[in-house]
Amino acid sequence: ADGSDPAGGEFLAEGGGVR
C-alpha cells in the first residue's frame, strides 16, 4: 500500500500498493 503497483486496489490515489 505504498505505491508498488499503480493498478493496486488499496490506495489508488497514493500510487497503488497491494493488488
PDB file of N, CA and C in Angstrom:
ATOM      1  N   ALA A   1       0.836  -1.217   0.000  1.00  0.00           N
ATOM      2  CA  ALA A   1       0.000   0.000   0.000  1.00  0.00           C
ATOM      3  C   ALA A   1       0.859   1.250   0.000  1.00  0.00           C
ATOM      4  N   ASP A   2       2.060   1.144  -0.529  1.00  0.00           N
ATOM      5  CA  ASP A   2       2.933   2.318  -0.522  1.00  0.00           C
ATOM      6  C   ASP A   2       3.257   2.814  -1.929  1.00  0.00           C
ATOM      7  N   GLY A   3       2.763   2.151  -2.943  1.00  0.00           N
ATOM      8  CA  GLY A   3       2.976   2.637  -4.301  1.00  0.00           C
ATOM      9  C   GLY A   3       3.758   1.674  -5.160  1.00  0.00           C
ATOM     10  N   SER A   4       3.741   0.388  -4.804  1.00  0.00           N
ATOM     11  CA  SER A   4       4.486  -0.601  -5.563  1.00  0.00           C
ATOM     12  C   SER A   4       3.786  -0.930  -6.876  1.00  0.00           C
ATOM     13  N   ASP A   5       2.453  -0.884  -6.871  1.00  0.00           N
ATOM     14  CA  ASP A   5       1.681  -1.247  -8.058  1.00  0.00           C
ATOM     15  C   ASP A   5       0.663  -0.146  -8.360  1.00  0.00           C
ATOM     16  N   PRO A   6       0.828   0.556  -9.495  1.00  0.00           N
ATOM     17  CA  PRO A   6      -0.079   1.655  -9.841  1.00  0.00           C
ATOM     18  C   PRO A   6      -1.512   1.195 -10.073  1.00  0.00           C
ATOM     19  N   ALA A   7      -1.688  -0.114 -10.318  1.00  0.00           N
ATOM     20  CA  ALA A   7      -3.036  -0.634 -10.550  1.00  0.00           C
ATOM     21  C   ALA A   7      -3.550  -1.393  -9.335  1.00  0.00           C
ATOM     22  N   GLY A   8      -2.856  -1.223  -8.217  1.00  0.00           N
ATOM     23  CA  GLY A   8      -3.274  -1.896  -6.985  1.00  0.00           C
ATOM     24  C   GLY A   8      -4.602  -1.360  -6.489  1.00  0.00           C
ATOM     25  N   GLY A   9      -5.241  -2.100  -5.605  1.00  0.00           N
ATOM     26  CA  GLY A   9      -6.575  -1.709  -5.167  1.00  0.00           C
ATOM     27  C   GLY A   9      -6.636  -1.264  -3.723  1.00  0.00           C
ATOM     28  N   GLU A  10      -5.523  -0.806  -3.161  1.00  0.00           N
ATOM     29  CA  GLU A  10      -5.561  -0.377  -1.762  1.00  0.00           C
ATOM     30  C   GLU A  10      -5.588   1.156  -1.662  1.00  0.00           C
ATOM     31  N   PHE A  11      -4.524   1.820  -2.157  1.00  0.00           N
ATOM     32  CA  PHE A  11      -4.514   3.282  -2.162  1.00  0.00           C
ATOM     33  C   PHE A  11      -4.200   3.758  -3.579  1.00  0.00           C
ATOM     34  N   LEU A  12      -5.222   3.806  -4.421  1.00  0.00           N
ATOM     35  CA  LEU A  12      -5.045   4.206  -5.806  1.00  0.00           C
ATOM     36  C   LEU A  12      -4.476   5.619  -5.894  1.00  0.00           C
ATOM     37  N   ALA A  13      -4.976   6.511  -5.056  1.00  0.00           N
ATOM     38  CA  ALA A  13      -4.514   7.893  -5.088  1.00  0.00           C
ATOM     39  C   ALA A  13      -3.090   8.021  -4.551  1.00  0.00           C
ATOM     40  N   GLU A  14      -2.650   7.031  -3.783  1.00  0.00           N
ATOM     41  CA  GLU A  14      -1.310   7.057  -3.219  1.00  0.00           C
ATOM     42  C   GLU A  14      -0.297   6.414  -4.173  1.00  0.00           C
ATOM     43  N   GLY A  15      -0.765   5.706  -5.169  1.00  0.00           N
ATOM     44  CA  GLY A  15       0.141   5.113  -6.134  1.00  0.00           C
ATOM     45  C   GLY A  15      -0.067   3.615  -6.322  1.00  0.00           C
ATOM     46  N   GLY A  16      -1.061   3.048  -5.706  1.00  0.00           N
ATOM     47  CA  GLY A  16      -1.325   1.620  -5.875  1.00  0.00           C
ATOM     48  C   GLY A  16      -1.146   0.853  -4.588  1.00  0.00           C
ATOM     49  N   GLY A  17      -0.256  -0.098  -4.589  1.00  0.00           N
ATOM     50  CA  GLY A  17       0.026  -0.880  -3.374  1.00  0.00           C
ATOM     51  C   GLY A  17      -0.232  -2.355  -3.566  1.00  0.00           C
ATOM     52  N   VAL A  18      -1.203  -2.904  -2.862  1.00  0.00           N
ATOM     53  CA  VAL A  18      -1.475  -4.341  -2.896  1.00  0.00           C
ATOM     54  C   VAL A  18      -2.590  -4.620  -3.889  1.00  0.00           C
ATOM     55  N   ARG A  19      -2.415  -5.659  -4.700  1.00  0.00           N
ATOM     56  CA  ARG A  19      -3.409  -5.974  -5.721  1.00  0.00           C
ATOM     57  C   ARG A  19      -4.296  -7.109  -5.223  1.00  0.00           C
TER      58      ARG A  19
END
